[in-house]
Structures are given as structure tokens and as C-alpha cells.
Amino acid sequence: MTLRVKALETILVEKGYVDPAALDAIVETYE
């Protein structure tokens, strides 16, 4: 995973926009 994507993931999760489990599923789909 690129640093840019990881940073975006961190921001979204911290702000409560994205559920971490849902985000992991999305990331796995695109890897």
C-alpha cells in the first residue's frame, strides 16, 4: 500500500468517515 493511500486511510478513519473493517475490504479488492 502506498504511503499516500495509507495517509488518506488514517485521516478518514480518524474523522469517522470510514469504518476500518469496511476500508480493509475495499483495499483488498483493489490490491
PDB file of N, CA and C in Angstrom:
ATOM      1  N   MET A   1       0.850  -1.194   0.000  1.00  0.00           N
ATOM      2  CA  MET A   1       0.000   0.000   0.000  1.00  0.00           C
ATOM      3  C   MET A   1       0.888   1.247   0.000  1.00  0.00           C
ATOM      4  N   THR A   2       0.556   2.179  -0.847  1.00  0.00           N
ATOM      5  CA  THR A   2       1.376   3.386  -0.923  1.00  0.00           C
ATOM      6  C   THR A   2       1.178   4.261   0.300  1.00  0.00           C
ATOM      7  N   LEU A   3       2.164   5.076   0.573  1.00  0.00           N
ATOM      8  CA  LEU A   3       2.095   5.977   1.725  1.00  0.00           C
ATOM      9  C   LEU A   3       0.923   6.940   1.588  1.00  0.00           C
ATOM     10  N   ARG A   4       0.669   7.366   0.368  1.00  0.00           N
ATOM     11  CA  ARG A   4      -0.429   8.309   0.122  1.00  0.00           C
ATOM     12  C   ARG A   4      -1.779   7.698   0.499  1.00  0.00           C
ATOM     13  N   VAL A   5      -1.983   6.470   0.096  1.00  0.00           N
ATOM     14  CA  VAL A   5      -3.238   5.780   0.415  1.00  0.00           C
ATOM     15  C   VAL A   5      -3.350   5.549   1.911  1.00  0.00           C
ATOM     16  N   LYS A   6      -2.226   5.170   2.526  1.00  0.00           N
ATOM     17  CA  LYS A   6      -2.231   4.922   3.969  1.00  0.00           C
ATOM     18  C   LYS A   6      -2.569   6.191   4.735  1.00  0.00           C
ATOM     19  N   ALA A   7      -2.018   7.306   4.299  1.00  0.00           N
ATOM     20  CA  ALA A   7      -2.300   8.584   4.952  1.00  0.00           C
ATOM     21  C   ALA A   7      -3.776   8.947   4.805  1.00  0.00           C
ATOM     22  N   LEU A   8      -4.321   8.737   3.624  1.00  0.00           N
ATOM     23  CA  LEU A   8      -5.734   9.032   3.384  1.00  0.00           C
ATOM     24  C   LEU A   8      -6.615   8.141   4.259  1.00  0.00           C
ATOM     25  N   GLU A   9      -6.251   6.863   4.343  1.00  0.00           N
ATOM     26  CA  GLU A   9      -6.999   5.922   5.176  1.00  0.00           C
ATOM     27  C   GLU A   9      -7.006   6.385   6.627  1.00  0.00           C
ATOM     28  N   THR A  10      -5.849   6.797   7.115  1.00  0.00           N
ATOM     29  CA  THR A  10      -5.731   7.246   8.503  1.00  0.00           C
ATOM     30  C   THR A  10      -6.634   8.443   8.770  1.00  0.00           C
ATOM     31  N   ILE A  11      -6.623   9.405   7.871  1.00  0.00           N
ATOM     32  CA  ILE A  11      -7.448  10.606   8.028  1.00  0.00           C
ATOM     33  C   ILE A  11      -8.935  10.249   8.040  1.00  0.00           C
ATOM     34  N   LEU A  12      -9.353   9.428   7.099  1.00  0.00           N
ATOM     35  CA  LEU A  12     -10.768   9.061   7.013  1.00  0.00           C
ATOM     36  C   LEU A  12     -11.233   8.308   8.250  1.00  0.00           C
ATOM     37  N   VAL A  13     -10.406   7.383   8.720  1.00  0.00           N
ATOM     38  CA  VAL A  13     -10.780   6.599   9.899  1.00  0.00           C
ATOM     39  C   VAL A  13     -10.816   7.482  11.140  1.00  0.00           C
ATOM     40  N   GLU A  14      -9.810   8.346  11.296  1.00  0.00           N
ATOM     41  CA  GLU A  14      -9.757   9.220  12.468  1.00  0.00           C
ATOM     42  C   GLU A  14     -10.956  10.164  12.519  1.00  0.00           C
ATOM     43  N   LYS A  15     -11.401  10.635  11.379  1.00  0.00           N
ATOM     44  CA  LYS A  15     -12.535  11.552  11.339  1.00  0.00           C
ATOM     45  C   LYS A  15     -13.872  10.814  11.403  1.00  0.00           C
ATOM     46  N   GLY A  16     -13.818   9.489  11.356  1.00  0.00           N
ATOM     47  CA  GLY A  16     -15.030   8.694  11.487  1.00  0.00           C
ATOM     48  C   GLY A  16     -15.834   8.558  10.203  1.00  0.00           C
ATOM     49  N   TYR A  17     -15.211   8.891   9.061  1.00  0.00           N
ATOM     50  CA  TYR A  17     -15.931   8.781   7.786  1.00  0.00           C
ATOM     51  C   TYR A  17     -16.010   7.341   7.303  1.00  0.00           C
ATOM     52  N   VAL A  18     -15.020   6.552   7.687  1.00  0.00           N
ATOM     53  CA  VAL A  18     -14.923   5.201   7.153  1.00  0.00           C
ATOM     54  C   VAL A  18     -14.707   4.206   8.286  1.00  0.00           C
ATOM     55  N   ASP A  19     -15.444   3.102   8.238  1.00  0.00           N
ATOM     56  CA  ASP A  19     -15.223   2.029   9.191  1.00  0.00           C
ATOM     57  C   ASP A  19     -13.968   1.256   8.773  1.00  0.00           C
ATOM     58  N   PRO A  20     -13.016   1.062   9.672  1.00  0.00           N
ATOM     59  CA  PRO A  20     -11.765   0.390   9.305  1.00  0.00           C
ATOM     60  C   PRO A  20     -11.966  -0.976   8.658  1.00  0.00           C
ATOM     61  N   ALA A  21     -12.903  -1.760   9.142  1.00  0.00           N
ATOM     62  CA  ALA A  21     -13.148  -3.083   8.571  1.00  0.00           C
ATOM     63  C   ALA A  21     -13.651  -2.975   7.134  1.00  0.00           C
ATOM     64  N   ALA A  22     -14.538  -2.028   6.877  1.00  0.00           N
ATOM     65  CA  ALA A  22     -15.056  -1.822   5.529  1.00  0.00           C
ATOM     66  C   ALA A  22     -13.937  -1.352   4.610  1.00  0.00           C
ATOM     67  N   LEU A  23     -13.091  -0.471   5.112  1.00  0.00           N
ATOM     68  CA  LEU A  23     -11.992   0.049   4.315  1.00  0.00           C
ATOM     69  C   LEU A  23     -11.017  -1.065   3.960  1.00  0.00           C
ATOM     70  N   ASP A  24     -10.732  -1.958   4.907  1.00  0.00           N
ATOM     71  CA  ASP A  24      -9.838  -3.083   4.640  1.00  0.00           C
ATOM     72  C   ASP A  24     -10.395  -3.945   3.512  1.00  0.00           C
ATOM     73  N   ALA A  25     -11.692  -4.171   3.512  1.00  0.00           N
ATOM     74  CA  ALA A  25     -12.319  -4.981   2.474  1.00  0.00           C
ATOM     75  C   ALA A  25     -12.175  -4.314   1.115  1.00  0.00           C
ATOM     76  N   ILE A  26     -12.350  -3.008   1.077  1.00  0.00           N
ATOM     77  CA  ILE A  26     -12.210  -2.257  -0.171  1.00  0.00           C
ATOM     78  C   ILE A  26     -10.778  -2.330  -0.679  1.00  0.00           C
ATOM     79  N   VAL A  27      -9.827  -2.125   0.226  1.00  0.00           N
ATOM     80  CA  VAL A  27      -8.416  -2.160  -0.155  1.00  0.00           C
ATOM     81  C   VAL A  27      -8.034  -3.529  -0.700  1.00  0.00           C
ATOM     82  N   GLU A  28      -8.490  -4.590  -0.048  1.00  0.00           N
ATOM     83  CA  GLU A  28      -8.176  -5.946  -0.504  1.00  0.00           C
ATOM     84  C   GLU A  28      -8.714  -6.186  -1.907  1.00  0.00           C
ATOM     85  N   THR A  29      -9.858  -5.605  -2.216  1.00  0.00           N
ATOM     86  CA  THR A  29     -10.452  -5.764  -3.536  1.00  0.00           C
ATOM     87  C   THR A  29      -9.561  -5.171  -4.622  1.00  0.00           C
ATOM     88  N   TYR A  30      -8.924  -4.050  -4.331  1.00  0.00           N
ATOM     89  CA  TYR A  30      -8.130  -3.344  -5.331  1.00  0.00           C
ATOM     90  C   TYR A  30      -6.655  -3.694  -5.336  1.00  0.00           C
ATOM     91  N   GLU A  31      -6.189  -4.485  -4.364  1.00  0.00           N
ATOM     92  CA  GLU A  31      -4.773  -4.851  -4.335  1.00  0.00           C
ATOM     93  C   GLU A  31      -4.457  -5.903  -5.372  1.00  0.00           C
TER      94      GLU A  31
END
